[in-house]
Amino acid sequence: MLTSIKGRSVIVTGGSKGIGKGIAQVFAAQGAKVMIAARGEADGMAAVEELKASGADADFCQCDVSDWESVQNMVATTAEKFGGLNVMCANAGGFPQTKMVDMDPSEWDQVMATNLKSAFLCVKASIPQFEKAGGGRVVLTSSITGPVTGFPGWSHYGASKSGQLGFLKTACMELSRYNVTINAVMPGNIYTEGLQDLGQDYLDTMAASIPLKRLGNVADIGNAALFFASDEAGYITGQTIIVDGGQIIPESLEAIEEI
């Protein structure tokens, strides 16, 4: 059992729903003080109230993770509320599905800002607080899409998630002087509100292509993030873990049918 998170200050960006909400719930259950950061105030406050109802110490900060001033304010607000910052879960991201022939270049820029630039901004803003604390943890939410797989309509999403892993490699070296580790969780298909929007046919097809024959749940990602944030993972940095039920392993659907 990981017992080193209790009382620590954690930011979860994009924590109002989906994977981010799941990460926040896992950390809160282990006694962490959780700041949920998101653009939508109503969803963010609702998520905080759920955590508080279970006895957690939680709060909400409205934040646009693609904006430097907004990210700085998020970190400062968290440090003031919780007495510092120990863990940054840079999870916020978007995945509009648009094929390149139909994509306006502005959509590409927006996905890059939300998914990739935000990782840099969140890490940069956290460094002074980590230095004060004598160390810290960064956990990125990447994806199998881009670094390992591809899917029509997600060229921008895949590029942004691959970019996060490129950022990770150099960041782990630069952050080491502050006793900070940085690692990434790479989810496969996780059952969230966003995935539901893609339709039941998509959900069924994806589940059929996974050896475990089901989509993942948000706690699966939260548990992986919790490990990376723990003292027990203190000698792990610059690494990734794929959480996908074995999705990337089969060579074809025929291979799945042989199980």
C-alpha atoms as a PDB file:
ATOM      1  CA  MET A   1       0.000   0.000   0.000  1.00  0.00           C
ATOM      2  CA  LEU A   2       1.227   3.499  -0.864  1.00  0.00           C
ATOM      3  CA  THR A   3       1.081   5.498   2.336  1.00  0.00           C
ATOM      4  CA  SER A   4       3.159   8.555   1.501  1.00  0.00           C
ATOM      5  CA  ILE A   5       0.531  10.859  -0.029  1.00  0.00           C
ATOM      6  CA  LYS A   6      -1.512  11.803   3.048  1.00  0.00           C
ATOM      7  CA  GLY A   7      -1.490  15.538   3.706  1.00  0.00           C
ATOM      8  CA  ARG A   8       0.337  16.435   0.526  1.00  0.00           C
ATOM      9  CA  SER A   9      -0.808  19.214  -1.756  1.00  0.00           C
ATOM     10  CA  VAL A  10      -1.872  18.099  -5.224  1.00  0.00           C
ATOM     11  CA  ILE A  11      -3.091  19.978  -8.296  1.00  0.00           C
ATOM     12  CA  VAL A  12      -5.106  18.067 -10.886  1.00  0.00           C
ATOM     13  CA  THR A  13      -5.695  20.081 -14.046  1.00  0.00           C
ATOM     14  CA  GLY A  14      -8.790  19.135 -15.988  1.00  0.00           C
ATOM     15  CA  GLY A  15      -9.980  17.629 -12.719  1.00  0.00           C
ATOM     16  CA  SER A  16     -13.662  18.451 -13.046  1.00  0.00           C
ATOM     17  CA  LYS A  17     -14.570  15.420 -15.156  1.00  0.00           C
ATOM     18  CA  GLY A  18     -13.260  12.320 -16.902  1.00  0.00           C
ATOM     19  CA  ILE A  19      -9.777  11.026 -16.172  1.00  0.00           C
ATOM     20  CA  GLY A  20      -8.861  14.139 -14.194  1.00  0.00           C
ATOM     21  CA  LYS A  21     -11.795  13.673 -11.851  1.00  0.00           C
ATOM     22  CA  GLY A  22     -10.781  10.059 -11.377  1.00  0.00           C
ATOM     23  CA  ILE A  23      -7.222  11.083 -10.517  1.00  0.00           C
ATOM     24  CA  ALA A  24      -8.526  13.634  -8.014  1.00  0.00           C
ATOM     25  CA  GLN A  25     -10.745  11.016  -6.381  1.00  0.00           C
ATOM     26  CA  VAL A  26      -7.886   8.540  -5.997  1.00  0.00           C
ATOM     27  CA  PHE A  27      -5.565  11.108  -4.419  1.00  0.00           C
ATOM     28  CA  ALA A  28      -8.304  12.412  -2.127  1.00  0.00           C
ATOM     29  CA  ALA A  29      -9.063   8.882  -0.952  1.00  0.00           C
ATOM     30  CA  GLN A  30      -5.441   8.608   0.160  1.00  0.00           C
ATOM     31  CA  GLY A  31      -5.696  11.778   2.242  1.00  0.00           C
ATOM     32  CA  ALA A  32      -4.131  14.295  -0.151  1.00  0.00           C
ATOM     33  CA  LYS A  33      -5.231  17.915  -0.272  1.00  0.00           C
ATOM     34  CA  VAL A  34      -6.568  18.286  -3.793  1.00  0.00           C
ATOM     35  CA  MET A  35      -6.945  21.411  -5.911  1.00  0.00           C
ATOM     36  CA  ILE A  36      -9.158  20.760  -8.913  1.00  0.00           C
ATOM     37  CA  ALA A  37      -8.341  23.131 -11.755  1.00  0.00           C
ATOM     38  CA  ALA A  38     -10.565  23.514 -14.802  1.00  0.00           C
ATOM     39  CA  ARG A  39     -12.129  26.123 -17.053  1.00  0.00           C
ATOM     40  CA  GLY A  40     -15.720  25.291 -16.136  1.00  0.00           C
ATOM     41  CA  GLU A  41     -16.619  26.587 -12.693  1.00  0.00           C
ATOM     42  CA  ALA A  42     -19.900  24.687 -12.327  1.00  0.00           C
ATOM     43  CA  ASP A  43     -18.381  21.282 -13.098  1.00  0.00           C
ATOM     44  CA  GLY A  44     -15.326  22.086 -10.995  1.00  0.00           C
ATOM     45  CA  MET A  45     -17.313  23.080  -7.937  1.00  0.00           C
ATOM     46  CA  ALA A  46     -19.528  20.013  -8.315  1.00  0.00           C
ATOM     47  CA  ALA A  47     -16.459  17.769  -8.351  1.00  0.00           C
ATOM     48  CA  VAL A  48     -15.092  19.506  -5.258  1.00  0.00           C
ATOM     49  CA  GLU A  49     -18.366  19.049  -3.403  1.00  0.00           C
ATOM     50  CA  GLU A  50     -18.245  15.321  -4.180  1.00  0.00           C
ATOM     51  CA  LEU A  51     -14.767  15.100  -2.684  1.00  0.00           C
ATOM     52  CA  LYS A  52     -15.728  17.121   0.375  1.00  0.00           C
ATOM     53  CA  ALA A  53     -18.749  14.894   0.935  1.00  0.00           C
ATOM     54  CA  SER A  54     -16.343  11.987   1.353  1.00  0.00           C
ATOM     55  CA  GLY A  55     -14.320  13.948   3.905  1.00  0.00           C
ATOM     56  CA  ALA A  56     -11.567  15.185   1.592  1.00  0.00           C
ATOM     57  CA  ASP A  57      -9.752  18.512   1.801  1.00  0.00           C
ATOM     58  CA  ALA A  58     -10.412  19.932  -1.656  1.00  0.00           C
ATOM     59  CA  ASP A  59     -10.916  23.214  -3.474  1.00  0.00           C
ATOM     60  CA  PHE A  60     -11.445  24.570  -6.977  1.00  0.00           C
ATOM     61  CA  CYS A  61      -9.444  27.052  -9.039  1.00  0.00           C
ATOM     62  CA  GLN A  62     -10.646  28.243 -12.407  1.00  0.00           C
ATOM     63  CA  CYS A  63      -7.785  27.990 -14.877  1.00  0.00           C
ATOM     64  CA  ASP A  64      -7.019  28.093 -18.581  1.00  0.00           C
ATOM     65  CA  VAL A  65      -3.970  25.834 -18.742  1.00  0.00           C
ATOM     66  CA  SER A  66      -2.864  27.325 -22.064  1.00  0.00           C
ATOM     67  CA  ASP A  67      -2.479  30.789 -20.478  1.00  0.00           C
ATOM     68  CA  TRP A  68       0.682  31.555 -18.485  1.00  0.00           C
ATOM     69  CA  GLU A  69      -0.882  34.066 -16.087  1.00  0.00           C
ATOM     70  CA  SER A  70      -3.786  31.729 -15.379  1.00  0.00           C
ATOM     71  CA  VAL A  71      -1.443  28.820 -14.621  1.00  0.00           C
ATOM     72  CA  GLN A  72       0.702  30.972 -12.333  1.00  0.00           C
ATOM     73  CA  ASN A  73      -2.414  32.022 -10.457  1.00  0.00           C
ATOM     74  CA  MET A  74      -3.482  28.387 -10.093  1.00  0.00           C
ATOM     75  CA  VAL A  75      -0.187  27.416  -8.493  1.00  0.00           C
ATOM     76  CA  ALA A  76      -0.116  30.481  -6.234  1.00  0.00           C
ATOM     77  CA  THR A  77      -3.706  29.892  -5.115  1.00  0.00           C
ATOM     78  CA  THR A  78      -2.932  26.254  -4.302  1.00  0.00           C
ATOM     79  CA  ALA A  79       0.219  27.120  -2.363  1.00  0.00           C
ATOM     80  CA  GLU A  80      -1.671  29.707  -0.320  1.00  0.00           C
ATOM     81  CA  LYS A  81      -4.619  27.390   0.342  1.00  0.00           C
ATOM     82  CA  PHE A  82      -2.663  24.231   1.167  1.00  0.00           C
ATOM     83  CA  GLY A  83       0.669  25.616   2.368  1.00  0.00           C
ATOM     84  CA  GLY A  84       2.691  24.662  -0.692  1.00  0.00           C
ATOM     85  CA  LEU A  85       2.656  22.271  -3.631  1.00  0.00           C
ATOM     86  CA  ASN A  86       3.928  18.695  -3.711  1.00  0.00           C
ATOM     87  CA  VAL A  87       2.359  17.077  -6.783  1.00  0.00           C
ATOM     88  CA  MET A  88       1.383  18.496 -10.166  1.00  0.00           C
ATOM     89  CA  CYS A  89      -0.891  16.252 -12.218  1.00  0.00           C
ATOM     90  CA  ALA A  90      -0.896  17.944 -15.618  1.00  0.00           C
ATOM     91  CA  ASN A  91      -3.907  16.150 -17.003  1.00  0.00           C
ATOM     92  CA  ALA A  92      -6.005  18.735 -18.860  1.00  0.00           C
ATOM     93  CA  GLY A  93      -6.457  18.084 -22.550  1.00  0.00           C
ATOM     94  CA  GLY A  94      -8.843  18.091 -25.461  1.00  0.00           C
ATOM     95  CA  PHE A  95      -9.405  15.667 -28.319  1.00  0.00           C
ATOM     96  CA  PRO A  96     -11.681  17.066 -31.017  1.00  0.00           C
ATOM     97  CA  GLN A  97     -11.896  14.592 -33.884  1.00  0.00           C
ATOM     98  CA  THR A  98     -11.274  16.263 -37.247  1.00  0.00           C
ATOM     99  CA  LYS A  99      -9.507  14.836 -40.280  1.00  0.00           C
ATOM    100  CA  MET A 100      -6.689  16.929 -41.696  1.00  0.00           C
ATOM    101  CA  VAL A 101      -8.519  17.753 -44.911  1.00  0.00           C
ATOM    102  CA  ASP A 102     -11.302  19.375 -42.882  1.00  0.00           C
ATOM    103  CA  MET A 103      -9.198  20.851 -40.073  1.00  0.00           C
ATOM    104  CA  ASP A 104      -8.768  24.591 -39.715  1.00  0.00           C
ATOM    105  CA  PRO A 105      -5.187  25.359 -38.655  1.00  0.00           C
ATOM    106  CA  SER A 106      -6.552  27.199 -35.629  1.00  0.00           C
ATOM    107  CA  GLU A 107      -7.880  23.893 -34.275  1.00  0.00           C
ATOM    108  CA  TRP A 108      -4.391  22.407 -34.508  1.00  0.00           C
ATOM    109  CA  ASP A 109      -2.987  25.369 -32.566  1.00  0.00           C
ATOM    110  CA  GLN A 110      -5.659  25.102 -29.882  1.00  0.00           C
ATOM    111  CA  VAL A 111      -5.049  21.392 -29.296  1.00  0.00           C
ATOM    112  CA  MET A 112      -1.312  21.993 -29.075  1.00  0.00           C
ATOM    113  CA  ALA A 113      -1.845  24.804 -26.577  1.00  0.00           C
ATOM    114  CA  THR A 114      -4.247  22.827 -24.401  1.00  0.00           C
ATOM    115  CA  ASN A 115      -2.394  19.506 -24.470  1.00  0.00           C
ATOM    116  CA  LEU A 116       1.294  20.292 -24.952  1.00  0.00           C
ATOM    117  CA  LYS A 117       2.044  23.916 -24.114  1.00  0.00           C
ATOM    118  CA  SER A 118       0.046  23.461 -20.910  1.00  0.00           C
ATOM    119  CA  ALA A 119       2.409  20.714 -19.719  1.00  0.00           C
ATOM    120  CA  PHE A 120       5.346  23.092 -20.016  1.00  0.00           C
ATOM    121  CA  LEU A 121       3.466  25.928 -18.311  1.00  0.00           C
ATOM    122  CA  CYS A 122       2.317  23.750 -15.410  1.00  0.00           C
ATOM    123  CA  VAL A 123       5.807  22.413 -14.798  1.00  0.00           C
ATOM    124  CA  LYS A 124       7.468  25.813 -15.082  1.00  0.00           C
ATOM    125  CA  ALA A 125       5.006  27.428 -12.688  1.00  0.00           C
ATOM    126  CA  SER A 126       5.486  24.623 -10.151  1.00  0.00           C
ATOM    127  CA  ILE A 127       9.272  24.780  -9.928  1.00  0.00           C
ATOM    128  CA  PRO A 128       9.493  27.577  -7.321  1.00  0.00           C
ATOM    129  CA  GLN A 129       7.049  25.746  -5.030  1.00  0.00           C
ATOM    130  CA  PHE A 130       8.867  22.442  -5.483  1.00  0.00           C
ATOM    131  CA  GLU A 131      12.144  24.158  -4.648  1.00  0.00           C
ATOM    132  CA  LYS A 132      10.636  25.546  -1.441  1.00  0.00           C
ATOM    133  CA  ALA A 133       9.319  22.103  -0.523  1.00  0.00           C
ATOM    134  CA  GLY A 134      12.634  20.392  -1.212  1.00  0.00           C
ATOM    135  CA  GLY A 135      11.191  18.217  -3.958  1.00  0.00           C
ATOM    136  CA  GLY A 136       8.061  17.224  -5.792  1.00  0.00           C
ATOM    137  CA  ARG A 137       6.340  15.059  -8.349  1.00  0.00           C
ATOM    138  CA  VAL A 138       4.954  15.771 -11.816  1.00  0.00           C
ATOM    139  CA  VAL A 139       2.614  13.315 -13.513  1.00  0.00           C
ATOM    140  CA  LEU A 140       1.590  13.936 -17.123  1.00  0.00           C
ATOM    141  CA  THR A 141      -1.466  12.361 -18.699  1.00  0.00           C
ATOM    142  CA  SER A 142      -0.309  11.391 -22.182  1.00  0.00           C
ATOM    143  CA  SER A 143      -1.950   8.706 -24.335  1.00  0.00           C
ATOM    144  CA  ILE A 144      -1.258   5.636 -26.425  1.00  0.00           C
ATOM    145  CA  THR A 145      -2.642   7.673 -29.353  1.00  0.00           C
ATOM    146  CA  GLY A 146       0.317   9.376 -30.978  1.00  0.00           C
ATOM    147  CA  PRO A 147       3.254   7.781 -29.180  1.00  0.00           C
ATOM    148  CA  VAL A 148       2.154   4.204 -30.017  1.00  0.00           C
ATOM    149  CA  THR A 149      -1.024   4.172 -32.122  1.00  0.00           C
ATOM    150  CA  GLY A 150      -2.946   6.403 -34.485  1.00  0.00           C
ATOM    151  CA  PHE A 151      -6.592   7.082 -35.278  1.00  0.00           C
ATOM    152  CA  PRO A 152      -8.170   9.114 -38.123  1.00  0.00           C
ATOM    153  CA  GLY A 153      -9.096  12.612 -37.008  1.00  0.00           C
ATOM    154  CA  TRP A 154      -6.569  12.836 -34.198  1.00  0.00           C
ATOM    155  CA  SER A 155      -3.408  13.956 -35.983  1.00  0.00           C
ATOM    156  CA  HIS A 156      -3.208  17.033 -33.742  1.00  0.00           C
ATOM    157  CA  TYR A 157      -4.061  15.097 -30.584  1.00  0.00           C
ATOM    158  CA  GLY A 158      -1.533  12.369 -31.386  1.00  0.00           C
ATOM    159  CA  ALA A 159       1.183  14.925 -32.153  1.00  0.00           C
ATOM    160  CA  SER A 160       0.521  16.736 -28.873  1.00  0.00           C
ATOM    161  CA  LYS A 161       0.688  13.529 -26.833  1.00  0.00           C
ATOM    162  CA  SER A 162       3.908  12.467 -28.550  1.00  0.00           C
ATOM    163  CA  GLY A 163       5.253  15.935 -27.855  1.00  0.00           C
ATOM    164  CA  GLN A 164       4.567  15.509 -24.154  1.00  0.00           C
ATOM    165  CA  LEU A 165       6.905  12.517 -24.093  1.00  0.00           C
ATOM    166  CA  GLY A 166       9.636  14.465 -25.864  1.00  0.00           C
ATOM    167  CA  PHE A 167       9.241  17.222 -23.281  1.00  0.00           C
ATOM    168  CA  LEU A 168       9.339  14.617 -20.504  1.00  0.00           C
ATOM    169  CA  LYS A 169      12.838  13.398 -21.377  1.00  0.00           C
ATOM    170  CA  THR A 170      14.563  16.747 -21.052  1.00  0.00           C
ATOM    171  CA  ALA A 171      12.328  17.931 -18.209  1.00  0.00           C
ATOM    172  CA  CYS A 172      13.369  14.962 -16.054  1.00  0.00           C
ATOM    173  CA  MET A 173      16.992  16.098 -16.309  1.00  0.00           C
ATOM    174  CA  GLU A 174      16.302  19.751 -15.627  1.00  0.00           C
ATOM    175  CA  LEU A 175      13.981  18.977 -12.705  1.00  0.00           C
ATOM    176  CA  SER A 176      16.415  16.602 -11.028  1.00  0.00           C
ATOM    177  CA  ARG A 177      18.325  19.514  -9.455  1.00  0.00           C
ATOM    178  CA  TYR A 178      15.159  20.311  -7.479  1.00  0.00           C
ATOM    179  CA  ASN A 179      14.622  16.684  -6.383  1.00  0.00           C
ATOM    180  CA  VAL A 180      11.568  16.520  -8.650  1.00  0.00           C
ATOM    181  CA  THR A 181      10.542  13.501 -10.720  1.00  0.00           C
ATOM    182  CA  ILE A 182       8.366  13.650 -13.817  1.00  0.00           C
ATOM    183  CA  ASN A 183       6.644  10.668 -15.420  1.00  0.00           C
ATOM    184  CA  ALA A 184       3.690  10.041 -17.709  1.00  0.00           C
ATOM    185  CA  VAL A 185       0.673   7.765 -17.689  1.00  0.00           C
ATOM    186  CA  MET A 186      -0.437   6.686 -21.165  1.00  0.00           C
ATOM    187  CA  PRO A 187      -4.118   5.691 -21.099  1.00  0.00           C
ATOM    188  CA  GLY A 188      -5.808   3.564 -23.686  1.00  0.00           C
ATOM    189  CA  ASN A 189      -9.578   3.793 -24.050  1.00  0.00           C
ATOM    190  CA  ILE A 190     -10.971   4.885 -20.695  1.00  0.00           C
ATOM    191  CA  TYR A 191     -14.708   5.172 -20.137  1.00  0.00           C
ATOM    192  CA  THR A 192     -15.374   8.898 -19.673  1.00  0.00           C
ATOM    193  CA  GLU A 193     -17.941  11.482 -20.687  1.00  0.00           C
ATOM    194  CA  GLY A 194     -15.766  12.424 -23.659  1.00  0.00           C
ATOM    195  CA  LEU A 195     -15.582   8.858 -24.890  1.00  0.00           C
ATOM    196  CA  GLN A 196     -19.332   8.452 -24.521  1.00  0.00           C
ATOM    197  CA  ASP A 197     -19.751  11.346 -26.959  1.00  0.00           C
ATOM    198  CA  LEU A 198     -18.087   9.248 -29.671  1.00  0.00           C
ATOM    199  CA  GLY A 199     -21.068   6.885 -29.657  1.00  0.00           C
ATOM    200  CA  GLN A 200     -21.884   3.338 -28.641  1.00  0.00           C
ATOM    201  CA  ASP A 201     -20.519   1.827 -31.853  1.00  0.00           C
ATOM    202  CA  TYR A 202     -17.097   3.316 -31.084  1.00  0.00           C
ATOM    203  CA  LEU A 203     -17.232   2.073 -27.487  1.00  0.00           C
ATOM    204  CA  ASP A 204     -18.192  -1.446 -28.557  1.00  0.00           C
ATOM    205  CA  THR A 205     -15.530  -1.597 -31.264  1.00  0.00           C
ATOM    206  CA  MET A 206     -12.820  -0.409 -28.900  1.00  0.00           C
ATOM    207  CA  ALA A 207     -13.823  -2.863 -26.168  1.00  0.00           C
ATOM    208  CA  ALA A 208     -13.703  -5.708 -28.699  1.00  0.00           C
ATOM    209  CA  SER A 209     -10.109  -4.798 -29.613  1.00  0.00           C
ATOM    210  CA  ILE A 210      -8.844  -5.002 -26.012  1.00  0.00           C
ATOM    211  CA  PRO A 211      -7.607  -8.347 -24.621  1.00  0.00           C
ATOM    212  CA  LEU A 212      -9.357  -7.694 -21.288  1.00  0.00           C
ATOM    213  CA  LYS A 213     -12.572  -7.136 -23.303  1.00  0.00           C
ATOM    214  CA  ARG A 214     -13.526  -3.916 -21.555  1.00  0.00           C
ATOM    215  CA  LEU A 215     -12.731  -0.238 -21.475  1.00  0.00           C
ATOM    216  CA  GLY A 216     -10.691   1.069 -18.576  1.00  0.00           C
ATOM    217  CA  ASN A 217     -12.104   3.212 -15.806  1.00  0.00           C
ATOM    218  CA  VAL A 218     -10.786   6.504 -14.474  1.00  0.00           C
ATOM    219  CA  ALA A 219      -9.511   4.928 -11.259  1.00  0.00           C
ATOM    220  CA  ASP A 220      -7.153   2.770 -13.345  1.00  0.00           C
ATOM    221  CA  ILE A 221      -5.370   5.948 -14.434  1.00  0.00           C
ATOM    222  CA  GLY A 222      -5.630   7.524 -11.003  1.00  0.00           C
ATOM    223  CA  ASN A 223      -3.905   4.538  -9.404  1.00  0.00           C
ATOM    224  CA  ALA A 224      -1.003   4.754 -11.868  1.00  0.00           C
ATOM    225  CA  ALA A 225      -0.666   8.490 -11.207  1.00  0.00           C
ATOM    226  CA  LEU A 226      -0.738   7.821  -7.473  1.00  0.00           C
ATOM    227  CA  PHE A 227       2.173   5.426  -7.781  1.00  0.00           C
ATOM    228  CA  PHE A 228       4.285   7.910  -9.728  1.00  0.00           C
ATOM    229  CA  ALA A 229       3.527  10.570  -7.088  1.00  0.00           C
ATOM    230  CA  SER A 230       4.492   8.378  -4.142  1.00  0.00           C
ATOM    231  CA  ASP A 231       7.726   8.144  -2.195  1.00  0.00           C
ATOM    232  CA  GLU A 232       7.892   4.540  -3.327  1.00  0.00           C
ATOM    233  CA  ALA A 233       8.455   5.796  -6.896  1.00  0.00           C
ATOM    234  CA  GLY A 234      11.133   8.269  -5.826  1.00  0.00           C
ATOM    235  CA  TYR A 235      13.832   6.711  -8.032  1.00  0.00           C
ATOM    236  CA  ILE A 236      11.683   6.657 -11.181  1.00  0.00           C
ATOM    237  CA  THR A 237      11.787   9.647 -13.517  1.00  0.00           C
ATOM    238  CA  GLY A 238      11.462  10.301 -17.233  1.00  0.00           C
ATOM    239  CA  GLN A 239       9.402   7.139 -17.640  1.00  0.00           C
ATOM    240  CA  THR A 240       6.000   6.122 -18.953  1.00  0.00           C
ATOM    241  CA  ILE A 241       3.449   3.465 -18.095  1.00  0.00           C
ATOM    242  CA  ILE A 242       0.781   2.263 -20.518  1.00  0.00           C
ATOM    243  CA  VAL A 243      -2.603   1.551 -18.939  1.00  0.00           C
ATOM    244  CA  ASP A 244      -4.722   0.082 -21.723  1.00  0.00           C
ATOM    245  CA  GLY A 245      -5.873  -3.448 -20.869  1.00  0.00           C
ATOM    246  CA  GLY A 246      -3.366  -4.792 -23.386  1.00  0.00           C
ATOM    247  CA  GLN A 247      -4.892  -2.840 -26.287  1.00  0.00           C
ATOM    248  CA  ILE A 248      -1.634  -2.169 -28.137  1.00  0.00           C
ATOM    249  CA  ILE A 249      -0.465  -5.805 -28.044  1.00  0.00           C
ATOM    250  CA  PRO A 250      -2.592  -7.757 -30.596  1.00  0.00           C
ATOM    251  CA  GLU A 251      -1.483  -7.631 -34.225  1.00  0.00           C
ATOM    252  CA  SER A 252      -5.098  -7.673 -35.431  1.00  0.00           C
ATOM    253  CA  LEU A 253      -8.697  -8.257 -34.431  1.00  0.00           C
ATOM    254  CA  GLU A 254      -8.215 -11.828 -35.611  1.00  0.00           C
ATOM    255  CA  ALA A 255      -5.622 -12.265 -32.862  1.00  0.00           C
ATOM    256  CA  ILE A 256      -8.207 -11.138 -30.307  1.00  0.00           C
ATOM    257  CA  GLU A 257     -10.747 -13.598 -31.676  1.00  0.00           C
ATOM    258  CA  GLU A 258      -8.312 -16.444 -30.997  1.00  0.00           C
ATOM    259  CA  ILE A 259      -8.401 -15.765 -27.241  1.00  0.00           C
END
